Amino acid sequence: MPKPAVIIRNLKSTASHACEKANGKESSMELIQYPQEYNDPKIAEEILALENTAWPQTPEDNTFPSAPHTYVTSCVMRENGMVVCHVGIRKSILWHKGEEYLAYGLSEVVTHPLWQKRGLASQLIQEAAERIILPEADVSVFTCAQERVAFYTRCGWEAMPGVCFVGGTKKKAFRSDSLKLTTMVRLISAKAKEHAKDFETGDLVFELGEGQLW
């Protein structure tokens, strides 16, 4: 049986729409873990609608999740039947300098414009780290724009300016430095920490699928 979406907890909303605040209404917010095997089209549509506020897609590209073979789960904040914040969790095997690592990454981190600057993304990332990434991964790696480095550093990752995240495929590599993105790294397992210097410079090469990058 597929695992259902798990309501981690209900929250009293501190991020209600301005109109609701003006009307003196209180709304409830759910923090949900949405696993890949639970195919709820309604929640998937809500996540897509949220993602389109940040990255508008053409109808043919408007699918969730993209690259399902690396997608693990999502943590979402949902208020009044609307996903207002989303953090996707991805995983892949990383072969690096003769060692095999289980790597997890964040992707599609987005908050609806009306709910931004209230700490929702930070809370979801903390949930993702504590529930999924830290108990299972050797290392966590993903990329972000330079202006987001300080945010992810506060969340527990470290910027590695000398490292390039290489996604895509062997035949068609997709390099993070081609987009001027910064690679964020969090060493988790004893093995990864023992080889910490291997993660300070060079390429981290993943097989993620054509055009895919975390």
N, C-alpha and C. Protein backbone atom coordinates (compact mmCIF):
# COMPACT_ATOMS: atom_id res chain seq x y z
N MET A 1 0.84 -1.20 0.00
CA MET A 1 0.00 0.00 0.00
C MET A 1 0.87 1.25 0.00
N PRO A 2 0.59 2.22 -0.87
CA PRO A 2 1.35 3.47 -0.86
C PRO A 2 1.17 4.21 0.45
N LYS A 3 2.24 4.85 0.92
CA LYS A 3 2.15 5.64 2.13
C LYS A 3 1.41 6.93 1.83
N PRO A 4 0.45 7.32 2.69
CA PRO A 4 -0.26 8.57 2.45
C PRO A 4 0.60 9.77 2.83
N ALA A 5 0.14 10.94 2.40
CA ALA A 5 0.79 12.16 2.87
C ALA A 5 0.63 12.24 4.39
N VAL A 6 1.68 12.62 5.06
CA VAL A 6 1.68 12.63 6.52
C VAL A 6 1.57 14.06 7.02
N ILE A 7 0.54 14.34 7.81
CA ILE A 7 0.45 15.64 8.46
C ILE A 7 1.37 15.61 9.68
N ILE A 8 2.46 16.33 9.60
CA ILE A 8 3.43 16.33 10.70
C ILE A 8 2.83 17.04 11.91
N ARG A 9 2.20 18.17 11.67
CA ARG A 9 1.46 18.84 12.74
C ARG A 9 0.63 19.97 12.16
N ASN A 10 -0.37 20.36 12.92
CA ASN A 10 -1.19 21.51 12.58
C ASN A 10 -0.63 22.72 13.31
N LEU A 11 -0.64 23.83 12.63
CA LEU A 11 -0.09 25.06 13.19
C LEU A 11 -1.14 26.15 13.15
N LYS A 12 -1.11 27.01 14.13
CA LYS A 12 -1.91 28.23 14.03
C LYS A 12 -1.18 29.16 13.10
N SER A 13 -1.84 29.60 12.06
CA SER A 13 -1.16 30.37 11.02
C SER A 13 -0.69 31.71 11.54
N THR A 14 0.58 32.01 11.23
CA THR A 14 1.11 33.35 11.46
C THR A 14 1.35 34.04 10.12
N ALA A 15 0.85 33.40 9.06
CA ALA A 15 1.14 33.91 7.72
C ALA A 15 -0.12 34.00 6.89
N SER A 16 -1.22 34.39 7.49
CA SER A 16 -2.47 34.45 6.78
C SER A 16 -2.48 35.57 5.76
N HIS A 17 -3.31 35.41 4.77
CA HIS A 17 -3.48 36.43 3.75
C HIS A 17 -3.92 37.73 4.41
N ALA A 18 -3.47 38.83 3.86
CA ALA A 18 -3.76 40.14 4.45
C ALA A 18 -5.26 40.37 4.59
N CYS A 19 -6.06 39.89 3.64
CA CYS A 19 -7.51 40.08 3.70
C CYS A 19 -8.10 39.34 4.89
N GLU A 20 -7.58 38.13 5.17
CA GLU A 20 -8.07 37.37 6.30
C GLU A 20 -7.72 38.06 7.61
N LYS A 21 -6.52 38.63 7.66
CA LYS A 21 -6.13 39.35 8.86
C LYS A 21 -7.04 40.55 9.08
N ALA A 22 -7.32 41.25 7.99
CA ALA A 22 -8.16 42.44 8.09
C ALA A 22 -9.56 42.08 8.56
N ASN A 23 -10.04 40.88 8.20
CA ASN A 23 -11.36 40.43 8.61
C ASN A 23 -11.36 39.78 9.98
N GLY A 24 -10.19 39.72 10.59
CA GLY A 24 -10.08 39.14 11.92
C GLY A 24 -10.22 37.64 11.96
N LYS A 25 -10.01 36.96 10.85
CA LYS A 25 -10.14 35.51 10.78
C LYS A 25 -8.82 34.84 11.12
N GLU A 26 -8.93 33.70 11.76
CA GLU A 26 -7.76 32.87 12.00
C GLU A 26 -7.83 31.67 11.07
N SER A 27 -6.70 31.25 10.54
CA SER A 27 -6.68 30.08 9.68
C SER A 27 -5.65 29.10 10.20
N SER A 28 -5.85 27.83 9.88
CA SER A 28 -4.92 26.80 10.32
C SER A 28 -3.98 26.44 9.19
N MET A 29 -2.78 26.05 9.56
CA MET A 29 -1.78 25.66 8.58
C MET A 29 -1.31 24.25 8.90
N GLU A 30 -1.17 23.42 7.87
CA GLU A 30 -0.68 22.07 8.03
C GLU A 30 0.74 21.97 7.49
N LEU A 31 1.60 21.30 8.24
CA LEU A 31 2.93 20.97 7.75
C LEU A 31 2.87 19.51 7.34
N ILE A 32 3.06 19.24 6.04
CA ILE A 32 2.81 17.92 5.47
C ILE A 32 4.08 17.37 4.83
N GLN A 33 4.32 16.08 5.03
CA GLN A 33 5.31 15.37 4.23
C GLN A 33 4.57 14.63 3.14
N TYR A 34 4.93 14.92 1.89
CA TYR A 34 4.25 14.35 0.72
C TYR A 34 5.19 13.38 0.02
N PRO A 35 5.06 12.06 0.27
CA PRO A 35 5.98 11.10 -0.36
C PRO A 35 5.63 10.84 -1.82
N GLN A 36 6.62 10.48 -2.61
CA GLN A 36 6.43 10.28 -4.04
C GLN A 36 5.37 9.22 -4.33
N GLU A 37 5.34 8.15 -3.53
CA GLU A 37 4.44 7.05 -3.85
C GLU A 37 2.98 7.37 -3.56
N TYR A 38 2.74 8.52 -2.89
CA TYR A 38 1.37 8.93 -2.63
C TYR A 38 0.96 9.94 -3.70
N ASN A 39 0.27 9.46 -4.71
CA ASN A 39 -0.02 10.29 -5.87
C ASN A 39 -1.35 11.01 -5.68
N ASP A 40 -1.33 12.07 -4.90
CA ASP A 40 -2.53 12.88 -4.69
C ASP A 40 -2.51 14.01 -5.71
N PRO A 41 -3.32 13.93 -6.76
CA PRO A 41 -3.26 14.95 -7.81
C PRO A 41 -3.59 16.35 -7.30
N LYS A 42 -4.41 16.44 -6.27
CA LYS A 42 -4.77 17.77 -5.76
C LYS A 42 -3.56 18.47 -5.15
N ILE A 43 -2.81 17.73 -4.29
CA ILE A 43 -1.63 18.35 -3.68
C ILE A 43 -0.57 18.62 -4.75
N ALA A 44 -0.42 17.70 -5.70
CA ALA A 44 0.54 17.92 -6.79
C ALA A 44 0.19 19.18 -7.58
N GLU A 45 -1.09 19.38 -7.86
CA GLU A 45 -1.52 20.58 -8.58
C GLU A 45 -1.25 21.84 -7.77
N GLU A 46 -1.45 21.76 -6.45
CA GLU A 46 -1.18 22.91 -5.59
C GLU A 46 0.31 23.24 -5.57
N ILE A 47 1.16 22.20 -5.53
CA ILE A 47 2.61 22.43 -5.56
C ILE A 47 3.01 23.06 -6.88
N LEU A 48 2.47 22.56 -7.99
CA LEU A 48 2.77 23.13 -9.30
C LEU A 48 2.33 24.59 -9.38
N ALA A 49 1.16 24.89 -8.86
CA ALA A 49 0.67 26.27 -8.88
C ALA A 49 1.62 27.18 -8.11
N LEU A 50 2.11 26.69 -6.96
CA LEU A 50 3.08 27.47 -6.19
C LEU A 50 4.37 27.66 -6.96
N GLU A 51 4.90 26.58 -7.55
CA GLU A 51 6.16 26.68 -8.28
C GLU A 51 6.05 27.63 -9.47
N ASN A 52 4.87 27.71 -10.06
CA ASN A 52 4.69 28.60 -11.20
C ASN A 52 4.72 30.08 -10.81
N THR A 53 4.57 30.38 -9.51
CA THR A 53 4.72 31.77 -9.09
C THR A 53 6.18 32.21 -9.16
N ALA A 54 7.09 31.22 -9.09
CA ALA A 54 8.53 31.53 -9.15
C ALA A 54 9.14 31.19 -10.49
N TRP A 55 8.70 30.05 -11.07
CA TRP A 55 9.30 29.57 -12.32
C TRP A 55 8.18 29.17 -13.28
N PRO A 56 7.61 30.12 -14.00
CA PRO A 56 6.51 29.79 -14.91
C PRO A 56 6.93 28.73 -15.93
N GLN A 57 6.06 27.73 -16.12
CA GLN A 57 6.34 26.61 -17.00
C GLN A 57 5.36 26.58 -18.17
N THR A 58 5.82 26.00 -19.26
CA THR A 58 4.90 25.71 -20.36
C THR A 58 4.06 24.51 -19.97
N PRO A 59 2.87 24.34 -20.56
CA PRO A 59 2.00 23.21 -20.18
C PRO A 59 2.68 21.85 -20.30
N GLU A 60 3.51 21.66 -21.32
CA GLU A 60 4.16 20.35 -21.49
C GLU A 60 5.22 20.08 -20.44
N ASP A 61 5.79 21.15 -19.85
CA ASP A 61 6.80 20.97 -18.81
C ASP A 61 6.21 21.02 -17.40
N ASN A 62 4.92 21.27 -17.31
CA ASN A 62 4.27 21.50 -16.02
C ASN A 62 3.86 20.17 -15.38
N THR A 63 4.84 19.40 -14.92
CA THR A 63 4.58 18.11 -14.28
C THR A 63 5.27 18.06 -12.93
N PHE A 64 4.69 17.29 -12.03
CA PHE A 64 5.28 17.13 -10.70
C PHE A 64 5.18 15.67 -10.29
N PRO A 65 6.31 15.10 -9.82
CA PRO A 65 7.62 15.74 -9.75
C PRO A 65 8.37 15.60 -11.06
N SER A 66 9.24 16.55 -11.34
CA SER A 66 10.17 16.38 -12.45
C SER A 66 11.23 15.38 -12.02
N ALA A 67 11.81 14.67 -12.99
CA ALA A 67 12.86 13.67 -12.69
C ALA A 67 12.47 12.81 -11.48
N PRO A 68 11.38 12.03 -11.59
CA PRO A 68 10.91 11.27 -10.43
C PRO A 68 11.90 10.25 -9.89
N HIS A 69 12.89 9.84 -10.70
CA HIS A 69 13.85 8.84 -10.21
C HIS A 69 14.78 9.40 -9.14
N THR A 70 14.89 10.73 -9.01
CA THR A 70 15.70 11.30 -7.93
C THR A 70 14.85 11.94 -6.83
N TYR A 71 13.57 12.04 -7.07
CA TYR A 71 12.67 12.70 -6.10
C TYR A 71 12.33 11.73 -4.98
N VAL A 72 12.47 12.19 -3.73
CA VAL A 72 12.16 11.38 -2.57
C VAL A 72 10.83 11.78 -1.96
N THR A 73 10.72 13.03 -1.59
CA THR A 73 9.52 13.52 -0.91
C THR A 73 9.55 15.04 -0.90
N SER A 74 8.46 15.62 -0.43
CA SER A 74 8.38 17.06 -0.24
C SER A 74 7.89 17.35 1.16
N CYS A 75 8.34 18.45 1.71
CA CYS A 75 7.72 19.03 2.90
C CYS A 75 7.00 20.29 2.44
N VAL A 76 5.73 20.39 2.81
CA VAL A 76 4.94 21.54 2.37
C VAL A 76 4.19 22.15 3.54
N MET A 77 4.01 23.45 3.45
CA MET A 77 3.07 24.16 4.32
C MET A 77 1.81 24.38 3.50
N ARG A 78 0.68 23.99 4.06
CA ARG A 78 -0.59 24.07 3.35
C ARG A 78 -1.59 24.82 4.23
N GLU A 79 -2.19 25.85 3.67
CA GLU A 79 -3.14 26.65 4.43
C GLU A 79 -4.42 26.81 3.62
N ASN A 80 -5.54 26.41 4.23
CA ASN A 80 -6.85 26.56 3.60
C ASN A 80 -6.87 25.98 2.19
N GLY A 81 -6.33 24.77 2.04
CA GLY A 81 -6.38 24.10 0.74
C GLY A 81 -5.43 24.66 -0.29
N MET A 82 -4.36 25.33 0.16
CA MET A 82 -3.41 25.94 -0.77
C MET A 82 -2.00 25.72 -0.24
N VAL A 83 -1.12 25.15 -1.07
CA VAL A 83 0.28 25.00 -0.68
C VAL A 83 0.95 26.36 -0.79
N VAL A 84 1.51 26.84 0.33
CA VAL A 84 2.10 28.17 0.36
C VAL A 84 3.63 28.13 0.47
N CYS A 85 4.19 26.96 0.81
CA CYS A 85 5.64 26.82 0.89
C CYS A 85 6.00 25.38 0.59
N HIS A 86 7.08 25.17 -0.15
CA HIS A 86 7.46 23.83 -0.59
C HIS A 86 8.97 23.66 -0.54
N VAL A 87 9.42 22.51 -0.07
CA VAL A 87 10.82 22.10 -0.13
C VAL A 87 10.86 20.67 -0.65
N GLY A 88 11.49 20.47 -1.79
CA GLY A 88 11.65 19.12 -2.34
C GLY A 88 12.95 18.50 -1.88
N ILE A 89 12.93 17.18 -1.68
CA ILE A 89 14.13 16.44 -1.29
C ILE A 89 14.47 15.44 -2.38
N ARG A 90 15.71 15.48 -2.83
CA ARG A 90 16.20 14.60 -3.89
C ARG A 90 17.32 13.72 -3.34
N LYS A 91 17.56 12.59 -4.02
CA LYS A 91 18.72 11.78 -3.62
C LYS A 91 19.31 11.08 -4.83
N SER A 92 20.60 10.79 -4.71
CA SER A 92 21.32 10.08 -5.77
C SER A 92 22.62 9.53 -5.18
N ILE A 93 23.13 8.51 -5.81
CA ILE A 93 24.46 8.01 -5.45
C ILE A 93 25.51 8.95 -6.05
N LEU A 94 26.51 9.27 -5.27
CA LEU A 94 27.63 10.08 -5.71
C LEU A 94 28.91 9.25 -5.60
N TRP A 95 29.57 9.04 -6.74
CA TRP A 95 30.91 8.43 -6.75
C TRP A 95 31.91 9.57 -6.83
N HIS A 96 32.76 9.68 -5.82
CA HIS A 96 33.67 10.82 -5.78
C HIS A 96 35.01 10.39 -5.19
N LYS A 97 36.05 10.50 -6.00
CA LYS A 97 37.42 10.19 -5.60
C LYS A 97 37.52 8.81 -4.96
N GLY A 98 36.90 7.84 -5.64
CA GLY A 98 37.01 6.45 -5.22
C GLY A 98 36.07 6.02 -4.12
N GLU A 99 35.21 6.91 -3.67
CA GLU A 99 34.28 6.58 -2.59
C GLU A 99 32.84 6.72 -3.08
N GLU A 100 31.97 5.89 -2.51
CA GLU A 100 30.54 5.96 -2.82
C GLU A 100 29.80 6.63 -1.66
N TYR A 101 28.96 7.62 -2.00
CA TYR A 101 28.20 8.33 -0.99
C TYR A 101 26.72 8.35 -1.38
N LEU A 102 25.86 8.32 -0.39
CA LEU A 102 24.44 8.58 -0.61
C LEU A 102 24.23 10.07 -0.38
N ALA A 103 23.88 10.76 -1.45
CA ALA A 103 23.76 12.22 -1.40
C ALA A 103 22.28 12.63 -1.48
N TYR A 104 21.93 13.53 -0.62
CA TYR A 104 20.59 14.13 -0.64
C TYR A 104 20.74 15.62 -0.93
N GLY A 105 19.75 16.19 -1.57
CA GLY A 105 19.78 17.62 -1.86
C GLY A 105 18.41 18.24 -1.74
N LEU A 106 18.39 19.55 -1.62
CA LEU A 106 17.14 20.31 -1.63
C LEU A 106 16.86 20.79 -3.05
N SER A 107 15.60 20.89 -3.38
CA SER A 107 15.24 21.43 -4.70
C SER A 107 13.89 22.11 -4.62
N GLU A 108 13.64 23.00 -5.55
CA GLU A 108 12.34 23.66 -5.68
C GLU A 108 11.86 24.26 -4.35
N VAL A 109 12.77 24.97 -3.71
CA VAL A 109 12.42 25.66 -2.46
C VAL A 109 11.73 26.96 -2.83
N VAL A 110 10.47 27.08 -2.47
CA VAL A 110 9.70 28.25 -2.90
C VAL A 110 8.61 28.55 -1.89
N THR A 111 8.39 29.84 -1.67
CA THR A 111 7.30 30.32 -0.81
C THR A 111 6.45 31.28 -1.63
N HIS A 112 5.15 31.16 -1.49
CA HIS A 112 4.25 32.05 -2.21
C HIS A 112 4.56 33.50 -1.82
N PRO A 113 4.51 34.43 -2.77
CA PRO A 113 4.87 35.83 -2.47
C PRO A 113 4.11 36.42 -1.28
N LEU A 114 2.84 36.04 -1.07
CA LEU A 114 2.07 36.60 0.03
C LEU A 114 2.46 36.04 1.39
N TRP A 115 3.26 34.97 1.40
CA TRP A 115 3.66 34.33 2.66
C TRP A 115 5.17 34.42 2.90
N GLN A 116 5.86 35.21 2.12
CA GLN A 116 7.32 35.29 2.26
C GLN A 116 7.72 36.12 3.47
N LYS A 117 8.98 35.93 3.87
CA LYS A 117 9.61 36.67 4.97
C LYS A 117 8.91 36.39 6.31
N ARG A 118 8.46 35.16 6.49
CA ARG A 118 7.86 34.75 7.75
C ARG A 118 8.52 33.48 8.30
N GLY A 119 9.63 33.06 7.67
CA GLY A 119 10.37 31.92 8.19
C GLY A 119 9.82 30.56 7.82
N LEU A 120 8.88 30.49 6.88
CA LEU A 120 8.29 29.20 6.53
C LEU A 120 9.30 28.28 5.87
N ALA A 121 10.08 28.80 4.92
CA ALA A 121 11.07 27.96 4.23
C ALA A 121 12.11 27.44 5.21
N SER A 122 12.56 28.27 6.12
CA SER A 122 13.54 27.83 7.13
C SER A 122 12.98 26.69 7.96
N GLN A 123 11.71 26.80 8.33
CA GLN A 123 11.08 25.76 9.14
C GLN A 123 10.98 24.45 8.35
N LEU A 124 10.59 24.54 7.08
CA LEU A 124 10.48 23.33 6.27
C LEU A 124 11.83 22.68 6.04
N ILE A 125 12.86 23.48 5.79
CA ILE A 125 14.20 22.92 5.58
C ILE A 125 14.68 22.22 6.85
N GLN A 126 14.40 22.80 8.00
CA GLN A 126 14.77 22.17 9.27
C GLN A 126 14.06 20.83 9.42
N GLU A 127 12.77 20.79 9.08
CA GLU A 127 12.03 19.53 9.14
C GLU A 127 12.63 18.50 8.19
N ALA A 128 12.92 18.93 6.96
CA ALA A 128 13.50 18.01 5.97
C ALA A 128 14.84 17.47 6.45
N ALA A 129 15.66 18.35 7.02
CA ALA A 129 16.97 17.91 7.50
C ALA A 129 16.84 16.91 8.64
N GLU A 130 16.01 17.22 9.62
CA GLU A 130 15.92 16.39 10.81
C GLU A 130 15.23 15.06 10.54
N ARG A 131 14.21 15.06 9.69
CA ARG A 131 13.41 13.85 9.47
C ARG A 131 13.99 12.93 8.41
N ILE A 132 14.66 13.49 7.40
CA ILE A 132 15.03 12.69 6.24
C ILE A 132 16.52 12.73 5.95
N ILE A 133 17.08 13.93 5.83
CA ILE A 133 18.45 14.05 5.33
C ILE A 133 19.48 13.59 6.36
N LEU A 134 19.43 14.13 7.56
CA LEU A 134 20.46 13.80 8.56
C LEU A 134 20.44 12.32 8.96
N PRO A 135 19.27 11.65 9.10
CA PRO A 135 19.30 10.24 9.48
C PRO A 135 19.77 9.31 8.37
N GLU A 136 19.74 9.74 7.10
CA GLU A 136 19.96 8.80 6.00
C GLU A 136 21.18 9.10 5.12
N ALA A 137 21.52 10.36 4.95
CA ALA A 137 22.52 10.73 3.94
C ALA A 137 23.95 10.67 4.48
N ASP A 138 24.89 10.46 3.55
CA ASP A 138 26.31 10.69 3.84
C ASP A 138 26.65 12.16 3.71
N VAL A 139 26.05 12.78 2.70
CA VAL A 139 26.35 14.17 2.38
C VAL A 139 25.11 14.80 1.74
N SER A 140 24.95 16.07 1.95
CA SER A 140 23.87 16.80 1.29
C SER A 140 24.50 17.88 0.41
N VAL A 141 24.08 17.91 -0.85
CA VAL A 141 24.66 18.82 -1.84
C VAL A 141 23.55 19.39 -2.71
N PHE A 142 23.61 20.68 -2.95
CA PHE A 142 22.71 21.30 -3.92
C PHE A 142 23.31 22.65 -4.30
N THR A 143 22.65 23.36 -5.19
CA THR A 143 23.17 24.66 -5.64
C THR A 143 22.15 25.75 -5.36
N CYS A 144 22.64 26.97 -5.32
CA CYS A 144 21.75 28.12 -5.16
C CYS A 144 22.40 29.35 -5.76
N ALA A 145 21.59 30.37 -5.97
CA ALA A 145 22.11 31.65 -6.43
C ALA A 145 22.92 32.30 -5.31
N GLN A 146 23.86 33.14 -5.69
CA GLN A 146 24.76 33.74 -4.71
C GLN A 146 23.98 34.49 -3.62
N GLU A 147 22.89 35.12 -3.98
CA GLU A 147 22.15 35.90 -2.99
C GLU A 147 21.42 35.03 -1.97
N ARG A 148 21.38 33.72 -2.20
CA ARG A 148 20.72 32.81 -1.25
C ARG A 148 21.73 32.06 -0.36
N VAL A 149 23.02 32.31 -0.56
CA VAL A 149 24.04 31.59 0.19
C VAL A 149 23.89 31.83 1.69
N ALA A 150 23.69 33.06 2.10
CA ALA A 150 23.59 33.37 3.53
C ALA A 150 22.42 32.64 4.16
N PHE A 151 21.31 32.55 3.44
CA PHE A 151 20.12 31.86 3.95
C PHE A 151 20.43 30.38 4.20
N TYR A 152 21.00 29.70 3.21
CA TYR A 152 21.28 28.27 3.37
C TYR A 152 22.41 28.01 4.36
N THR A 153 23.32 28.96 4.50
CA THR A 153 24.36 28.83 5.52
C THR A 153 23.72 28.84 6.91
N ARG A 154 22.76 29.71 7.13
CA ARG A 154 22.04 29.72 8.41
C ARG A 154 21.29 28.42 8.65
N CYS A 155 20.90 27.76 7.58
CA CYS A 155 20.16 26.49 7.70
C CYS A 155 21.08 25.29 7.94
N GLY A 156 22.41 25.49 7.85
CA GLY A 156 23.32 24.41 8.21
C GLY A 156 24.23 23.92 7.10
N TRP A 157 24.16 24.51 5.91
CA TRP A 157 25.04 24.10 4.82
C TRP A 157 26.19 25.09 4.68
N GLU A 158 27.23 24.68 3.95
CA GLU A 158 28.41 25.52 3.77
C GLU A 158 28.65 25.75 2.28
N ALA A 159 28.90 26.99 1.92
CA ALA A 159 29.22 27.31 0.53
C ALA A 159 30.62 26.82 0.20
N MET A 160 30.74 26.17 -0.97
CA MET A 160 32.04 25.67 -1.44
C MET A 160 32.34 26.31 -2.79
N PRO A 161 32.97 27.50 -2.79
CA PRO A 161 33.21 28.21 -4.05
C PRO A 161 34.10 27.45 -5.02
N GLY A 162 34.93 26.54 -4.51
CA GLY A 162 35.82 25.79 -5.38
C GLY A 162 35.21 24.52 -5.94
N VAL A 163 33.93 24.28 -5.65
CA VAL A 163 33.27 23.04 -6.07
C VAL A 163 32.23 23.36 -7.13
N CYS A 164 32.17 22.52 -8.15
CA CYS A 164 31.13 22.62 -9.18
C CYS A 164 30.23 21.39 -9.11
N PHE A 165 28.95 21.61 -8.99
CA PHE A 165 27.96 20.54 -9.04
C PHE A 165 27.69 20.26 -10.52
N VAL A 166 27.93 19.01 -10.94
CA VAL A 166 27.72 18.63 -12.34
C VAL A 166 26.55 17.64 -12.39
N GLY A 167 25.44 18.08 -12.98
CA GLY A 167 24.28 17.23 -13.14
C GLY A 167 24.14 16.80 -14.59
N GLY A 168 22.89 16.61 -15.03
CA GLY A 168 22.67 16.15 -16.40
C GLY A 168 23.04 14.70 -16.56
N THR A 169 23.65 14.38 -17.70
CA THR A 169 24.05 13.01 -18.01
C THR A 169 25.52 12.98 -18.40
N LYS A 170 26.06 11.76 -18.57
CA LYS A 170 27.45 11.64 -19.00
C LYS A 170 27.65 12.28 -20.37
N LYS A 171 26.68 12.09 -21.25
CA LYS A 171 26.80 12.63 -22.60
C LYS A 171 26.48 14.12 -22.67
N LYS A 172 25.67 14.58 -21.73
CA LYS A 172 25.26 15.99 -21.75
C LYS A 172 25.28 16.53 -20.33
N ALA A 173 26.48 16.84 -19.87
CA ALA A 173 26.65 17.35 -18.50
C ALA A 173 26.03 18.73 -18.36
N PHE A 174 25.51 19.00 -17.18
CA PHE A 174 24.90 20.30 -16.86
C PHE A 174 25.64 20.84 -15.65
N ARG A 175 26.50 21.84 -15.87
CA ARG A 175 27.40 22.34 -14.83
C ARG A 175 26.79 23.55 -14.12
N SER A 176 26.91 23.54 -12.80
CA SER A 176 26.38 24.67 -12.04
C SER A 176 27.13 25.96 -12.32
N ASP A 177 28.43 25.84 -12.64
CA ASP A 177 29.18 27.08 -12.91
C ASP A 177 28.75 27.75 -14.21
N SER A 178 28.07 27.00 -15.09
CA SER A 178 27.55 27.62 -16.31
C SER A 178 26.42 28.60 -16.00
N LEU A 179 25.80 28.45 -14.83
CA LEU A 179 24.73 29.34 -14.39
C LEU A 179 25.18 30.26 -13.26
N LYS A 180 26.47 30.20 -12.94
CA LYS A 180 27.05 31.00 -11.86
C LYS A 180 26.37 30.71 -10.52
N LEU A 181 26.06 29.43 -10.29
CA LEU A 181 25.45 29.00 -9.04
C LEU A 181 26.53 28.58 -8.05
N THR A 182 26.21 28.69 -6.77
CA THR A 182 27.12 28.28 -5.70
C THR A 182 26.73 26.89 -5.21
N THR A 183 27.71 26.04 -5.01
CA THR A 183 27.46 24.70 -4.49
C THR A 183 27.48 24.73 -2.96
N MET A 184 26.40 24.23 -2.37
CA MET A 184 26.27 24.16 -0.92
C MET A 184 26.46 22.70 -0.49
N VAL A 185 27.26 22.49 0.56
CA VAL A 185 27.60 21.14 1.01
C VAL A 185 27.39 21.02 2.52
N ARG A 186 26.88 19.86 2.92
CA ARG A 186 26.77 19.53 4.34
C ARG A 186 27.25 18.10 4.52
N LEU A 187 28.36 17.92 5.19
CA LEU A 187 28.92 16.59 5.44
C LEU A 187 28.22 16.00 6.66
N ILE A 188 27.72 14.76 6.51
CA ILE A 188 26.87 14.19 7.55
C ILE A 188 27.48 12.93 8.17
N SER A 189 27.81 11.95 7.35
CA SER A 189 28.31 10.68 7.89
C SER A 189 29.78 10.81 8.31
N ALA A 190 30.21 9.83 9.13
CA ALA A 190 31.62 9.80 9.55
C ALA A 190 32.54 9.68 8.34
N LYS A 191 32.12 8.88 7.35
CA LYS A 191 32.95 8.70 6.16
C LYS A 191 33.11 10.01 5.40
N ALA A 192 32.01 10.73 5.22
CA ALA A 192 32.09 12.01 4.50
C ALA A 192 32.98 13.00 5.25
N LYS A 193 32.84 13.05 6.55
CA LYS A 193 33.66 13.97 7.34
C LYS A 193 35.14 13.58 7.31
N GLU A 194 35.39 12.28 7.26
CA GLU A 194 36.78 11.80 7.18
C GLU A 194 37.43 12.24 5.87
N HIS A 195 36.62 12.36 4.81
CA HIS A 195 37.12 12.78 3.51
C HIS A 195 36.73 14.23 3.20
N ALA A 196 36.66 15.05 4.21
CA ALA A 196 36.18 16.42 4.05
C ALA A 196 36.96 17.20 3.00
N LYS A 197 38.26 16.99 2.92
CA LYS A 197 39.07 17.75 1.96
C LYS A 197 38.70 17.42 0.53
N ASP A 198 38.12 16.24 0.29
CA ASP A 198 37.70 15.86 -1.07
C ASP A 198 36.53 16.71 -1.56
N PHE A 199 35.86 17.38 -0.64
CA PHE A 199 34.68 18.18 -1.00
C PHE A 199 34.97 19.68 -1.04
N GLU A 200 36.25 20.03 -0.99
CA GLU A 200 36.59 21.46 -0.96
C GLU A 200 36.83 22.04 -2.35
N THR A 201 37.25 21.22 -3.31
CA THR A 201 37.50 21.69 -4.67
C THR A 201 37.12 20.61 -5.67
N GLY A 202 36.96 21.03 -6.92
CA GLY A 202 36.72 20.07 -8.00
C GLY A 202 35.25 19.89 -8.32
N ASP A 203 34.97 18.88 -9.15
CA ASP A 203 33.61 18.59 -9.61
C ASP A 203 32.99 17.49 -8.78
N LEU A 204 31.70 17.66 -8.45
CA LEU A 204 30.88 16.60 -7.89
C LEU A 204 29.92 16.18 -9.00
N VAL A 205 30.13 14.98 -9.53
CA VAL A 205 29.44 14.56 -10.76
C VAL A 205 28.32 13.59 -10.43
N PHE A 206 27.11 13.95 -10.83
CA PHE A 206 25.92 13.14 -10.60
C PHE A 206 25.28 12.75 -11.94
N GLU A 207 24.60 11.61 -11.94
CA GLU A 207 23.77 11.20 -13.07
C GLU A 207 22.32 11.49 -12.69
N LEU A 208 21.81 12.63 -13.12
CA LEU A 208 20.48 13.06 -12.69
C LEU A 208 19.44 13.04 -13.80
N GLY A 209 19.90 12.91 -15.03
CA GLY A 209 19.00 13.02 -16.17
C GLY A 209 19.23 14.31 -16.92
N GLU A 210 18.92 14.32 -18.19
CA GLU A 210 19.21 15.48 -19.04
C GLU A 210 18.54 16.75 -18.51
N GLY A 211 19.37 17.80 -18.39
CA GLY A 211 18.86 19.10 -17.96
C GLY A 211 18.56 19.21 -16.47
N GLN A 212 18.97 18.20 -15.69
CA GLN A 212 18.64 18.20 -14.27
C GLN A 212 19.81 18.68 -13.42
N LEU A 213 19.49 19.51 -12.46
CA LEU A 213 20.47 20.06 -11.52
C LEU A 213 19.73 20.36 -10.22
N TRP A 214 20.38 20.08 -9.10
CA TRP A 214 19.74 20.45 -7.83
C TRP A 214 20.23 21.83 -7.43
